[in-house]
């Protein structure tokens, strides 16, 4: 996704969610210190929950309204709202990032550390 440009309204919503003053969020965003995808997800979740609480509209219509407001597809908004982040696994010995399969198969070790632990 391209970098999402926040308006004053989005900064205010993000401020409500995070508890950080909107002016500070603007400064952090200008410095590039805000993870854009996370901030967008927080704003979308805030708007979705607010509409779900205040109206009797079905979720599909709320998602489409958010998509229309931000000129996105409903699928992309749905992805921001409901997609789960995959956990990241690290080798317990060398701390290298490894896959879930490798983590489970080797009891938390990477293949290299398992090979080093084999005595012949």
N, C-alpha and C. Protein backbone atom coordinates (compact mmCIF):
# COMPACT_ATOMS: atom_id res chain seq x y z
N UNK A 1 0.84 -1.18 0.00
CA UNK A 1 0.00 0.00 0.00
C UNK A 1 0.88 1.23 0.00
N UNK A 2 0.44 2.22 -0.70
CA UNK A 2 1.15 3.49 -0.67
C UNK A 2 1.02 4.11 0.71
N UNK A 3 1.88 5.05 1.02
CA UNK A 3 1.87 5.70 2.32
C UNK A 3 0.55 6.45 2.50
N UNK A 4 -0.17 6.13 3.53
CA UNK A 4 -1.47 6.72 3.81
C UNK A 4 -1.27 8.11 4.40
N UNK A 5 -1.86 9.13 3.78
CA UNK A 5 -1.77 10.51 4.27
C UNK A 5 -2.91 10.75 5.25
N UNK A 6 -2.57 10.98 6.49
CA UNK A 6 -3.57 11.24 7.51
C UNK A 6 -4.04 12.69 7.44
N UNK A 7 -5.33 12.86 7.69
CA UNK A 7 -5.89 14.20 7.82
C UNK A 7 -6.02 14.51 9.31
N UNK A 8 -6.45 15.70 9.62
CA UNK A 8 -6.65 16.09 11.02
C UNK A 8 -7.61 15.13 11.72
N UNK A 9 -8.65 14.71 11.01
CA UNK A 9 -9.64 13.79 11.56
C UNK A 9 -9.00 12.45 11.94
N UNK A 10 -8.15 11.91 11.06
CA UNK A 10 -7.51 10.63 11.35
C UNK A 10 -6.53 10.75 12.52
N UNK A 11 -5.81 11.88 12.58
CA UNK A 11 -4.91 12.09 13.71
C UNK A 11 -5.70 12.14 15.02
N UNK A 12 -6.86 12.75 15.00
CA UNK A 12 -7.69 12.82 16.20
C UNK A 12 -8.19 11.43 16.61
N UNK A 13 -8.58 10.63 15.64
CA UNK A 13 -9.03 9.26 15.93
C UNK A 13 -7.88 8.42 16.47
N UNK A 14 -6.72 8.56 15.86
CA UNK A 14 -5.54 7.84 16.32
C UNK A 14 -5.15 8.30 17.73
N UNK A 15 -5.35 9.56 18.01
CA UNK A 15 -5.07 10.10 19.33
C UNK A 15 -6.00 9.49 20.37
N UNK A 16 -7.26 9.32 20.04
CA UNK A 16 -8.22 8.71 20.96
C UNK A 16 -7.82 7.27 21.25
N UNK A 17 -7.41 6.54 20.22
CA UNK A 17 -7.06 5.13 20.37
C UNK A 17 -5.77 4.96 21.18
N UNK A 18 -4.77 5.78 20.89
CA UNK A 18 -3.46 5.60 21.52
C UNK A 18 -3.26 6.41 22.80
N UNK A 19 -4.02 7.48 22.96
CA UNK A 19 -3.83 8.34 24.12
C UNK A 19 -2.70 9.34 23.95
N UNK A 20 -2.14 9.40 22.75
CA UNK A 20 -1.06 10.35 22.44
C UNK A 20 -1.70 11.58 21.80
N UNK A 21 -1.33 12.79 22.21
CA UNK A 21 -1.92 13.98 21.62
C UNK A 21 -1.72 14.01 20.10
N UNK A 22 -2.72 14.52 19.40
CA UNK A 22 -2.71 14.54 17.93
C UNK A 22 -1.52 15.31 17.38
N UNK A 23 -1.13 16.39 18.03
CA UNK A 23 0.00 17.20 17.55
C UNK A 23 1.29 16.39 17.62
N UNK A 24 1.43 15.56 18.65
CA UNK A 24 2.61 14.70 18.78
C UNK A 24 2.61 13.62 17.70
N UNK A 25 1.44 13.10 17.39
CA UNK A 25 1.33 12.10 16.32
C UNK A 25 1.71 12.70 14.97
N UNK A 26 1.31 13.94 14.74
CA UNK A 26 1.68 14.61 13.50
C UNK A 26 3.19 14.77 13.40
N UNK A 27 3.82 15.14 14.50
CA UNK A 27 5.28 15.29 14.51
C UNK A 27 5.98 13.96 14.25
N UNK A 28 5.50 12.91 14.92
CA UNK A 28 6.09 11.58 14.73
C UNK A 28 5.91 11.09 13.30
N UNK A 29 4.74 11.35 12.72
CA UNK A 29 4.48 10.94 11.34
C UNK A 29 5.37 11.71 10.37
N UNK A 30 5.57 12.98 10.64
CA UNK A 30 6.44 13.80 9.77
C UNK A 30 7.88 13.29 9.80
N UNK A 31 8.29 12.75 10.94
CA UNK A 31 9.64 12.19 11.06
C UNK A 31 9.73 10.75 10.55
N UNK A 32 8.58 10.18 10.19
CA UNK A 32 8.56 8.81 9.68
C UNK A 32 8.66 7.77 10.78
N UNK A 33 8.27 8.13 11.99
CA UNK A 33 8.40 7.22 13.13
C UNK A 33 7.13 6.43 13.42
N UNK A 34 6.08 6.67 12.68
CA UNK A 34 4.84 5.92 12.86
C UNK A 34 4.78 4.84 11.79
N UNK A 35 4.52 3.60 12.22
CA UNK A 35 4.35 2.51 11.26
C UNK A 35 2.98 2.72 10.62
N UNK A 36 3.00 3.05 9.35
CA UNK A 36 1.79 3.48 8.67
C UNK A 36 0.71 2.41 8.68
N UNK A 37 1.06 1.17 8.40
CA UNK A 37 0.06 0.10 8.32
C UNK A 37 -0.62 -0.11 9.66
N UNK A 38 0.13 -0.03 10.74
CA UNK A 38 -0.44 -0.20 12.07
C UNK A 38 -1.37 0.96 12.40
N UNK A 39 -0.96 2.16 12.08
CA UNK A 39 -1.79 3.34 12.35
C UNK A 39 -3.08 3.29 11.55
N UNK A 40 -2.99 2.90 10.29
CA UNK A 40 -4.20 2.79 9.45
C UNK A 40 -5.14 1.74 10.03
N UNK A 41 -4.58 0.59 10.45
CA UNK A 41 -5.41 -0.45 11.05
C UNK A 41 -6.13 0.06 12.30
N UNK A 42 -5.42 0.82 13.14
CA UNK A 42 -6.04 1.36 14.35
C UNK A 42 -7.18 2.32 14.03
N UNK A 43 -6.98 3.17 13.02
CA UNK A 43 -8.03 4.11 12.62
C UNK A 43 -9.23 3.36 12.07
N UNK A 44 -8.98 2.38 11.19
CA UNK A 44 -10.09 1.60 10.62
C UNK A 44 -10.84 0.84 11.70
N UNK A 45 -10.12 0.23 12.65
CA UNK A 45 -10.78 -0.49 13.72
C UNK A 45 -11.62 0.45 14.58
N UNK A 46 -11.11 1.63 14.84
CA UNK A 46 -11.86 2.61 15.62
C UNK A 46 -13.16 2.98 14.91
N UNK A 47 -13.06 3.29 13.62
CA UNK A 47 -14.26 3.67 12.86
C UNK A 47 -15.25 2.50 12.76
N UNK A 48 -14.74 1.31 12.54
CA UNK A 48 -15.60 0.13 12.43
C UNK A 48 -16.35 -0.12 13.74
N UNK A 49 -15.63 -0.10 14.86
CA UNK A 49 -16.28 -0.34 16.17
C UNK A 49 -17.27 0.75 16.52
N UNK A 50 -16.91 1.99 16.20
CA UNK A 50 -17.81 3.10 16.48
C UNK A 50 -19.12 2.96 15.71
N UNK A 51 -19.02 2.65 14.43
CA UNK A 51 -20.22 2.49 13.61
C UNK A 51 -21.02 1.26 14.03
N UNK A 52 -20.34 0.19 14.37
CA UNK A 52 -21.03 -1.03 14.78
C UNK A 52 -21.80 -0.81 16.08
N UNK A 53 -21.22 0.01 16.97
CA UNK A 53 -21.85 0.31 18.25
C UNK A 53 -23.03 1.27 18.08
N UNK A 54 -22.88 2.27 17.21
CA UNK A 54 -23.88 3.34 17.10
C UNK A 54 -24.98 3.07 16.09
N UNK A 55 -24.77 2.15 15.18
CA UNK A 55 -25.78 1.89 14.16
C UNK A 55 -26.16 0.42 14.15
N UNK A 56 -27.20 0.10 13.48
CA UNK A 56 -27.66 -1.28 13.36
C UNK A 56 -27.34 -1.84 11.97
N UNK A 57 -26.34 -1.26 11.33
CA UNK A 57 -25.97 -1.64 9.98
C UNK A 57 -25.12 -2.91 10.03
N UNK A 58 -25.27 -3.75 9.02
CA UNK A 58 -24.48 -4.98 8.98
C UNK A 58 -23.01 -4.64 8.70
N UNK A 59 -22.09 -5.47 9.19
CA UNK A 59 -20.66 -5.19 9.04
C UNK A 59 -20.20 -4.98 7.60
N UNK A 60 -20.80 -5.71 6.68
CA UNK A 60 -20.42 -5.58 5.27
C UNK A 60 -20.60 -4.15 4.77
N UNK A 61 -21.66 -3.51 5.18
CA UNK A 61 -21.94 -2.14 4.76
C UNK A 61 -21.01 -1.13 5.43
N UNK A 62 -20.66 -1.40 6.69
CA UNK A 62 -19.71 -0.53 7.38
C UNK A 62 -18.35 -0.59 6.69
N UNK A 63 -17.93 -1.79 6.34
CA UNK A 63 -16.65 -1.97 5.65
C UNK A 63 -16.66 -1.26 4.31
N UNK A 64 -17.76 -1.36 3.58
CA UNK A 64 -17.86 -0.68 2.29
C UNK A 64 -17.84 0.83 2.46
N UNK A 65 -18.47 1.33 3.51
CA UNK A 65 -18.45 2.78 3.77
C UNK A 65 -17.04 3.27 4.08
N UNK A 66 -16.30 2.51 4.86
CA UNK A 66 -14.91 2.86 5.15
C UNK A 66 -14.08 2.83 3.86
N UNK A 67 -14.31 1.81 3.05
CA UNK A 67 -13.58 1.69 1.77
C UNK A 67 -13.88 2.88 0.87
N UNK A 68 -15.13 3.29 0.81
CA UNK A 68 -15.50 4.44 -0.01
C UNK A 68 -14.87 5.73 0.51
N UNK A 69 -14.85 5.88 1.82
CA UNK A 69 -14.29 7.10 2.42
C UNK A 69 -12.81 7.24 2.09
N UNK A 70 -12.09 6.14 2.10
CA UNK A 70 -10.64 6.19 1.89
C UNK A 70 -10.22 5.75 0.49
N UNK A 71 -11.18 5.60 -0.39
CA UNK A 71 -10.92 5.25 -1.78
C UNK A 71 -10.08 3.97 -1.89
N UNK A 72 -10.57 2.93 -1.23
CA UNK A 72 -9.91 1.63 -1.24
C UNK A 72 -10.94 0.57 -1.58
N UNK A 73 -10.46 -0.64 -1.79
CA UNK A 73 -11.38 -1.75 -2.01
C UNK A 73 -11.84 -2.27 -0.65
N UNK A 74 -13.01 -2.89 -0.64
CA UNK A 74 -13.53 -3.46 0.60
C UNK A 74 -12.63 -4.59 1.09
N UNK A 75 -12.03 -5.32 0.17
CA UNK A 75 -11.14 -6.42 0.54
C UNK A 75 -9.92 -5.91 1.30
N UNK A 76 -9.39 -4.78 0.88
CA UNK A 76 -8.22 -4.21 1.54
C UNK A 76 -8.59 -3.72 2.95
N UNK A 77 -9.75 -3.12 3.08
CA UNK A 77 -10.21 -2.67 4.40
C UNK A 77 -10.44 -3.88 5.30
N UNK A 78 -11.05 -4.93 4.76
CA UNK A 78 -11.29 -6.16 5.51
C UNK A 78 -9.97 -6.76 5.98
N UNK A 79 -8.96 -6.69 5.12
CA UNK A 79 -7.64 -7.22 5.47
C UNK A 79 -7.06 -6.44 6.66
N UNK A 80 -7.20 -5.12 6.64
CA UNK A 80 -6.71 -4.31 7.75
C UNK A 80 -7.46 -4.62 9.04
N UNK A 81 -8.76 -4.85 8.93
CA UNK A 81 -9.57 -5.06 10.12
C UNK A 81 -9.41 -6.45 10.73
N UNK A 82 -9.34 -7.47 9.89
CA UNK A 82 -9.46 -8.83 10.41
C UNK A 82 -8.25 -9.73 10.20
N UNK A 83 -7.28 -9.32 9.41
CA UNK A 83 -6.13 -10.18 9.15
C UNK A 83 -5.29 -10.33 10.42
N UNK A 84 -4.91 -11.55 10.69
CA UNK A 84 -4.06 -11.82 11.84
C UNK A 84 -2.60 -11.72 11.42
N UNK A 85 -1.82 -11.17 12.27
CA UNK A 85 -0.39 -11.10 12.00
C UNK A 85 0.22 -12.44 12.39
N UNK A 86 1.09 -12.93 11.54
CA UNK A 86 1.74 -14.20 11.81
C UNK A 86 2.83 -13.99 12.86
N UNK A 87 2.91 -14.91 13.81
CA UNK A 87 3.97 -14.77 14.82
C UNK A 87 5.34 -15.00 14.20
N UNK A 88 6.33 -14.38 14.77
CA UNK A 88 7.70 -14.52 14.30
C UNK A 88 8.44 -15.41 15.29
N UNK A 89 9.14 -16.40 14.78
CA UNK A 89 9.87 -17.34 15.63
C UNK A 89 11.36 -17.12 15.48
N UNK A 90 12.07 -17.29 16.59
CA UNK A 90 13.52 -17.12 16.60
C UNK A 90 14.16 -18.35 17.23
N UNK A 91 15.32 -18.69 16.73
CA UNK A 91 16.10 -19.79 17.28
C UNK A 91 16.46 -19.44 18.72
N UNK A 92 16.26 -20.37 19.64
CA UNK A 92 16.53 -20.09 21.05
C UNK A 92 18.02 -20.06 21.37
N UNK A 93 18.85 -20.50 20.42
CA UNK A 93 20.29 -20.51 20.67
C UNK A 93 21.00 -19.34 19.97
N UNK A 94 20.80 -19.18 18.66
CA UNK A 94 21.52 -18.13 17.92
C UNK A 94 20.64 -16.90 17.64
N UNK A 95 19.35 -16.99 17.93
CA UNK A 95 18.38 -15.90 17.79
C UNK A 95 18.14 -15.47 16.35
N UNK A 96 18.38 -16.36 15.41
CA UNK A 96 18.08 -16.10 14.01
C UNK A 96 16.59 -16.37 13.78
N UNK A 97 15.96 -15.59 12.90
CA UNK A 97 14.55 -15.80 12.60
C UNK A 97 14.39 -17.10 11.83
N UNK A 98 13.42 -17.92 12.27
CA UNK A 98 13.16 -19.21 11.62
C UNK A 98 11.68 -19.37 11.35
N UNK A 99 11.33 -20.34 10.53
CA UNK A 99 9.93 -20.59 10.19
C UNK A 99 9.23 -21.33 11.33
N UNK A 100 7.92 -21.31 11.30
CA UNK A 100 7.12 -22.02 12.30
C UNK A 100 7.41 -23.51 12.23
N UNK A 101 7.52 -24.05 11.03
CA UNK A 101 7.79 -25.47 10.85
C UNK A 101 9.13 -25.85 11.47
N UNK A 102 10.14 -25.06 11.18
CA UNK A 102 11.48 -25.30 11.72
C UNK A 102 11.46 -25.20 13.26
N UNK A 103 10.74 -24.23 13.77
CA UNK A 103 10.64 -24.01 15.20
C UNK A 103 10.01 -25.22 15.89
N UNK A 104 8.92 -25.73 15.33
CA UNK A 104 8.23 -26.88 15.92
C UNK A 104 9.03 -28.17 15.75
N UNK A 105 9.61 -28.37 14.59
CA UNK A 105 10.33 -29.60 14.28
C UNK A 105 11.58 -29.76 15.15
N UNK A 106 12.27 -28.65 15.38
CA UNK A 106 13.56 -28.70 16.08
C UNK A 106 13.49 -28.21 17.52
N UNK A 107 12.32 -28.13 18.09
CA UNK A 107 12.14 -27.66 19.47
C UNK A 107 12.76 -26.29 19.72
N UNK A 108 12.52 -25.37 18.82
CA UNK A 108 12.95 -23.99 19.01
C UNK A 108 14.32 -23.66 18.47
N UNK A 109 14.95 -24.60 17.78
CA UNK A 109 16.28 -24.35 17.23
C UNK A 109 16.22 -24.29 15.71
N UNK A 110 17.18 -23.56 15.12
CA UNK A 110 17.29 -23.54 13.66
C UNK A 110 18.05 -24.79 13.21
N UNK A 111 18.00 -25.09 11.94
CA UNK A 111 18.67 -26.28 11.42
C UNK A 111 20.17 -26.24 11.69
N UNK A 112 20.77 -25.08 11.56
CA UNK A 112 22.23 -24.95 11.77
C UNK A 112 22.61 -25.32 13.20
N UNK A 113 21.84 -24.82 14.17
CA UNK A 113 22.13 -25.13 15.57
C UNK A 113 21.88 -26.60 15.88
N UNK A 114 20.89 -27.23 15.25
CA UNK A 114 20.64 -28.65 15.43
C UNK A 114 21.81 -29.44 14.88
N UNK A 115 22.31 -29.06 13.71
CA UNK A 115 23.45 -29.76 13.11
C UNK A 115 24.67 -29.64 14.00
N UNK A 116 24.91 -28.45 14.55
CA UNK A 116 26.06 -28.26 15.44
C UNK A 116 25.94 -29.08 16.71
N UNK A 117 24.73 -29.39 17.12
CA UNK A 117 24.50 -30.16 18.35
C UNK A 117 24.58 -31.67 18.14
N UNK A 118 24.69 -32.12 16.93
CA UNK A 118 24.77 -33.56 16.66
C UNK A 118 26.21 -34.02 16.86
N UNK A 119 26.37 -35.00 17.70
CA UNK A 119 27.71 -35.57 17.92
C UNK A 119 27.80 -36.90 17.17
N UNK A 120 28.86 -37.04 16.42
CA UNK A 120 29.06 -38.26 15.64
C UNK A 120 30.17 -39.09 16.22
